[in-house]
N, C-alpha and C. Protein backbone atom coordinates (compact mmCIF):
# COMPACT_ATOMS: atom_id res chain seq x y z
N MET A 1 0.42 -28.63 -30.02
CA MET A 1 0.12 -27.30 -30.50
C MET A 1 0.28 -27.29 -32.02
N SER A 2 -0.65 -26.70 -32.66
CA SER A 2 -0.59 -26.60 -34.12
C SER A 2 0.42 -25.53 -34.52
N PRO A 3 0.97 -25.63 -35.71
CA PRO A 3 1.84 -24.56 -36.19
C PRO A 3 1.13 -23.20 -36.24
N GLN A 4 -0.16 -23.22 -36.52
CA GLN A 4 -0.92 -21.97 -36.58
C GLN A 4 -1.02 -21.33 -35.20
N ALA A 5 -1.26 -22.14 -34.18
CA ALA A 5 -1.31 -21.60 -32.81
C ALA A 5 0.06 -21.08 -32.38
N ALA A 6 1.11 -21.80 -32.73
CA ALA A 6 2.47 -21.36 -32.39
C ALA A 6 2.79 -20.04 -33.08
N GLU A 7 2.34 -19.89 -34.30
CA GLU A 7 2.57 -18.64 -35.03
C GLU A 7 1.85 -17.48 -34.33
N GLU A 8 0.64 -17.71 -33.87
CA GLU A 8 -0.09 -16.65 -33.14
C GLU A 8 0.65 -16.28 -31.85
N LEU A 9 1.12 -17.29 -31.11
CA LEU A 9 1.86 -17.02 -29.87
C LEU A 9 3.15 -16.27 -30.14
N SER A 10 3.77 -16.53 -31.27
CA SER A 10 5.04 -15.87 -31.59
C SER A 10 4.88 -14.36 -31.75
N ARG A 11 3.67 -13.91 -31.90
CA ARG A 11 3.40 -12.47 -32.05
C ARG A 11 3.25 -11.77 -30.70
N TRP A 12 3.16 -12.54 -29.64
CA TRP A 12 2.98 -11.96 -28.31
C TRP A 12 4.23 -11.19 -27.91
N SER A 13 4.08 -10.06 -27.24
CA SER A 13 5.21 -9.18 -26.94
C SER A 13 5.75 -9.31 -25.51
N GLY A 14 5.25 -10.24 -24.74
CA GLY A 14 5.73 -10.38 -23.36
C GLY A 14 7.12 -10.99 -23.27
N PRO A 15 7.76 -10.88 -22.08
CA PRO A 15 9.13 -11.37 -21.92
C PRO A 15 9.24 -12.87 -21.63
N THR A 16 8.17 -13.48 -21.13
CA THR A 16 8.23 -14.88 -20.71
C THR A 16 7.04 -15.63 -21.30
N LEU A 17 7.32 -16.81 -21.83
CA LEU A 17 6.27 -17.66 -22.38
C LEU A 17 6.40 -19.03 -21.74
N VAL A 18 5.40 -19.42 -20.96
CA VAL A 18 5.40 -20.69 -20.25
C VAL A 18 4.36 -21.60 -20.88
N LEU A 19 4.83 -22.67 -21.50
CA LEU A 19 3.95 -23.63 -22.18
C LEU A 19 4.20 -25.01 -21.58
N ASN A 20 4.19 -25.09 -20.27
CA ASN A 20 4.52 -26.33 -19.58
C ASN A 20 3.47 -27.42 -19.72
N GLY A 21 2.31 -27.09 -20.21
CA GLY A 21 1.28 -28.11 -20.43
C GLY A 21 1.44 -28.88 -21.72
N LEU A 22 2.30 -28.40 -22.61
CA LEU A 22 2.53 -29.12 -23.87
C LEU A 22 3.24 -30.44 -23.60
N ARG A 23 2.75 -31.48 -24.22
CA ARG A 23 3.39 -32.80 -24.08
C ARG A 23 4.21 -33.17 -25.32
N SER A 24 3.93 -32.46 -26.42
CA SER A 24 4.70 -32.68 -27.64
C SER A 24 4.80 -31.37 -28.40
N LEU A 25 5.81 -31.28 -29.24
CA LEU A 25 6.03 -30.09 -30.06
C LEU A 25 6.61 -30.54 -31.39
N SER A 26 5.89 -30.28 -32.45
CA SER A 26 6.35 -30.67 -33.78
C SER A 26 7.44 -29.71 -34.27
N PRO A 27 8.26 -30.15 -35.20
CA PRO A 27 9.24 -29.23 -35.79
C PRO A 27 8.57 -28.02 -36.44
N GLU A 28 7.41 -28.23 -37.03
CA GLU A 28 6.69 -27.12 -37.67
C GLU A 28 6.24 -26.07 -36.65
N ALA A 29 5.75 -26.52 -35.50
CA ALA A 29 5.34 -25.58 -34.45
C ALA A 29 6.56 -24.89 -33.85
N ALA A 30 7.65 -25.63 -33.65
CA ALA A 30 8.88 -25.03 -33.13
C ALA A 30 9.42 -23.97 -34.08
N GLU A 31 9.29 -24.22 -35.37
CA GLU A 31 9.72 -23.25 -36.38
C GLU A 31 8.96 -21.94 -36.21
N LYS A 32 7.69 -22.02 -35.93
CA LYS A 32 6.88 -20.82 -35.74
C LYS A 32 7.20 -20.13 -34.40
N LEU A 33 7.40 -20.92 -33.34
CA LEU A 33 7.71 -20.35 -32.02
C LEU A 33 9.04 -19.62 -32.00
N ARG A 34 9.97 -20.06 -32.81
CA ARG A 34 11.30 -19.45 -32.79
C ARG A 34 11.27 -17.98 -33.18
N ALA A 35 10.19 -17.52 -33.82
CA ALA A 35 10.07 -16.12 -34.19
C ALA A 35 9.72 -15.23 -33.00
N TRP A 36 9.29 -15.83 -31.88
CA TRP A 36 8.92 -15.05 -30.70
C TRP A 36 10.14 -14.30 -30.18
N ARG A 37 9.98 -13.05 -29.81
CA ARG A 37 11.10 -12.19 -29.42
C ARG A 37 11.30 -12.06 -27.91
N GLY A 38 10.61 -12.87 -27.12
CA GLY A 38 10.78 -12.81 -25.67
C GLY A 38 12.10 -13.40 -25.22
N GLY A 39 12.33 -13.35 -23.92
CA GLY A 39 13.60 -13.79 -23.38
C GLY A 39 13.61 -15.12 -22.69
N SER A 40 12.45 -15.61 -22.22
CA SER A 40 12.40 -16.83 -21.43
C SER A 40 11.28 -17.74 -21.94
N LEU A 41 11.65 -18.93 -22.38
CA LEU A 41 10.70 -19.89 -22.92
C LEU A 41 10.77 -21.18 -22.10
N SER A 42 9.64 -21.58 -21.55
CA SER A 42 9.58 -22.78 -20.73
C SER A 42 8.68 -23.82 -21.40
N LEU A 43 9.27 -24.98 -21.67
CA LEU A 43 8.57 -26.10 -22.29
C LEU A 43 8.77 -27.35 -21.42
N ASP A 44 8.54 -27.20 -20.12
CA ASP A 44 8.83 -28.26 -19.16
C ASP A 44 7.92 -29.47 -19.25
N GLY A 45 6.84 -29.41 -19.98
CA GLY A 45 5.95 -30.55 -20.14
C GLY A 45 6.45 -31.57 -21.16
N LEU A 46 7.40 -31.15 -21.99
CA LEU A 46 7.94 -32.08 -22.98
C LEU A 46 8.81 -33.13 -22.29
N THR A 47 8.58 -34.39 -22.58
CA THR A 47 9.41 -35.46 -22.01
C THR A 47 10.36 -36.04 -23.04
N SER A 48 10.17 -35.66 -24.30
CA SER A 48 11.09 -36.07 -25.37
C SER A 48 11.15 -34.95 -26.39
N LEU A 49 12.22 -34.97 -27.17
CA LEU A 49 12.44 -33.92 -28.16
C LEU A 49 13.17 -34.53 -29.35
N SER A 50 12.59 -34.38 -30.52
CA SER A 50 13.23 -34.91 -31.72
C SER A 50 14.38 -34.01 -32.14
N PRO A 51 15.34 -34.55 -32.86
CA PRO A 51 16.43 -33.71 -33.37
C PRO A 51 15.91 -32.59 -34.27
N GLN A 52 14.86 -32.86 -35.02
CA GLN A 52 14.30 -31.84 -35.91
C GLN A 52 13.70 -30.67 -35.13
N THR A 53 13.00 -31.00 -34.05
CA THR A 53 12.42 -29.95 -33.21
C THR A 53 13.52 -29.19 -32.48
N ALA A 54 14.52 -29.90 -31.99
CA ALA A 54 15.65 -29.26 -31.31
C ALA A 54 16.37 -28.29 -32.25
N GLU A 55 16.50 -28.68 -33.50
CA GLU A 55 17.15 -27.81 -34.48
C GLU A 55 16.37 -26.51 -34.64
N LYS A 56 15.06 -26.59 -34.71
CA LYS A 56 14.23 -25.38 -34.85
C LYS A 56 14.30 -24.52 -33.60
N LEU A 57 14.26 -25.15 -32.41
CA LEU A 57 14.35 -24.39 -31.16
C LEU A 57 15.71 -23.72 -31.01
N SER A 58 16.75 -24.34 -31.54
CA SER A 58 18.09 -23.76 -31.41
C SER A 58 18.23 -22.45 -32.18
N LEU A 59 17.28 -22.16 -33.06
CA LEU A 59 17.30 -20.91 -33.83
C LEU A 59 16.62 -19.76 -33.09
N TRP A 60 15.90 -20.08 -31.99
CA TRP A 60 15.26 -19.04 -31.18
C TRP A 60 16.35 -18.20 -30.51
N ARG A 61 16.17 -16.91 -30.44
CA ARG A 61 17.21 -16.01 -29.95
C ARG A 61 16.97 -15.46 -28.55
N GLY A 62 16.20 -16.16 -27.74
CA GLY A 62 15.98 -15.74 -26.35
C GLY A 62 17.16 -16.09 -25.47
N ALA A 63 17.05 -15.75 -24.19
CA ALA A 63 18.14 -15.95 -23.24
C ALA A 63 18.00 -17.23 -22.41
N PHE A 64 16.76 -17.60 -22.04
CA PHE A 64 16.55 -18.72 -21.12
C PHE A 64 15.58 -19.72 -21.75
N LEU A 65 16.03 -20.97 -21.86
CA LEU A 65 15.20 -22.04 -22.41
C LEU A 65 15.13 -23.16 -21.39
N SER A 66 13.93 -23.47 -20.93
CA SER A 66 13.75 -24.54 -19.96
C SER A 66 13.07 -25.74 -20.62
N LEU A 67 13.77 -26.86 -20.56
CA LEU A 67 13.27 -28.14 -21.04
C LEU A 67 13.41 -29.16 -19.91
N ALA A 68 12.99 -28.77 -18.72
CA ALA A 68 13.22 -29.55 -17.51
C ALA A 68 12.44 -30.87 -17.48
N GLY A 69 11.47 -31.05 -18.35
CA GLY A 69 10.71 -32.30 -18.38
C GLY A 69 11.37 -33.40 -19.18
N LEU A 70 12.39 -33.05 -19.96
CA LEU A 70 13.06 -34.08 -20.76
C LEU A 70 13.74 -35.10 -19.86
N ARG A 71 13.57 -36.36 -20.20
CA ARG A 71 14.17 -37.44 -19.41
C ARG A 71 15.44 -38.00 -20.04
N ASN A 72 15.47 -37.99 -21.36
CA ASN A 72 16.62 -38.50 -22.11
C ASN A 72 16.85 -37.63 -23.33
N LEU A 73 18.09 -37.57 -23.78
CA LEU A 73 18.43 -36.86 -25.00
C LEU A 73 19.33 -37.73 -25.85
N SER A 74 19.00 -37.87 -27.11
CA SER A 74 19.89 -38.58 -28.01
C SER A 74 21.10 -37.70 -28.33
N PHE A 75 22.14 -38.32 -28.83
CA PHE A 75 23.31 -37.55 -29.23
C PHE A 75 22.93 -36.51 -30.28
N GLU A 76 22.13 -36.91 -31.25
CA GLU A 76 21.74 -36.00 -32.34
C GLU A 76 20.95 -34.81 -31.81
N THR A 77 20.02 -35.06 -30.90
CA THR A 77 19.23 -33.97 -30.31
C THR A 77 20.13 -33.05 -29.51
N THR A 78 21.04 -33.62 -28.73
CA THR A 78 21.99 -32.83 -27.94
C THR A 78 22.84 -31.95 -28.85
N ALA A 79 23.29 -32.51 -29.96
CA ALA A 79 24.10 -31.74 -30.91
C ALA A 79 23.32 -30.56 -31.47
N LYS A 80 22.06 -30.76 -31.77
CA LYS A 80 21.23 -29.67 -32.29
C LYS A 80 21.00 -28.59 -31.23
N LEU A 81 20.73 -29.01 -29.99
CA LEU A 81 20.52 -28.04 -28.91
C LEU A 81 21.79 -27.23 -28.61
N SER A 82 22.93 -27.84 -28.83
CA SER A 82 24.19 -27.15 -28.53
C SER A 82 24.43 -25.96 -29.46
N ASP A 83 23.68 -25.86 -30.53
CA ASP A 83 23.80 -24.72 -31.44
C ASP A 83 23.05 -23.49 -30.92
N TRP A 84 22.19 -23.67 -29.91
CA TRP A 84 21.43 -22.55 -29.36
C TRP A 84 22.39 -21.55 -28.71
N ARG A 85 22.15 -20.26 -28.88
CA ARG A 85 23.06 -19.22 -28.40
C ARG A 85 22.53 -18.42 -27.22
N GLY A 86 21.61 -18.99 -26.46
CA GLY A 86 21.10 -18.31 -25.27
C GLY A 86 22.10 -18.35 -24.14
N THR A 87 21.67 -17.87 -22.97
CA THR A 87 22.58 -17.81 -21.82
C THR A 87 22.31 -18.89 -20.78
N SER A 88 21.10 -19.47 -20.76
CA SER A 88 20.77 -20.46 -19.74
C SER A 88 19.84 -21.52 -20.32
N LEU A 89 20.29 -22.76 -20.25
CA LEU A 89 19.52 -23.90 -20.73
C LEU A 89 19.27 -24.83 -19.55
N LYS A 90 18.00 -25.04 -19.21
CA LYS A 90 17.64 -25.86 -18.05
C LYS A 90 17.22 -27.24 -18.52
N LEU A 91 17.95 -28.26 -18.08
CA LEU A 91 17.68 -29.66 -18.44
C LEU A 91 17.73 -30.54 -17.20
N ASP A 92 17.24 -30.05 -16.08
CA ASP A 92 17.43 -30.77 -14.82
C ASP A 92 16.52 -31.99 -14.64
N GLY A 93 15.74 -32.36 -15.64
CA GLY A 93 14.94 -33.57 -15.56
C GLY A 93 15.61 -34.79 -16.16
N LEU A 94 16.79 -34.60 -16.76
CA LEU A 94 17.45 -35.72 -17.43
C LEU A 94 17.80 -36.83 -16.46
N LEU A 95 17.50 -38.03 -16.86
CA LEU A 95 17.83 -39.21 -16.07
C LEU A 95 19.16 -39.80 -16.49
N ASN A 96 19.45 -39.69 -17.79
CA ASN A 96 20.71 -40.21 -18.34
C ASN A 96 21.37 -39.14 -19.20
N PRO A 97 21.95 -38.13 -18.53
CA PRO A 97 22.55 -37.02 -19.30
C PRO A 97 23.74 -37.47 -20.13
């Protein structure tokens, strides 16, 4: 997804945004998505996540973040995700948590 497309989606006013078809997400696109004001964001198509993208996602202020497609997380990526202040983080696809 381009940063421009992510910026357009961030303007949507619905409560849930499901982008499970995405296979990758750049830090620039994540920066734009974090402005979305909904409560539930699903990115289950991602199988990997860079620390830079995780840092941008951790700034999103929604309640539920699903990253169920991730298979592995580096320590650095995990540290960045731990800064997220939502209520539910779904990571049930991890093979080596």
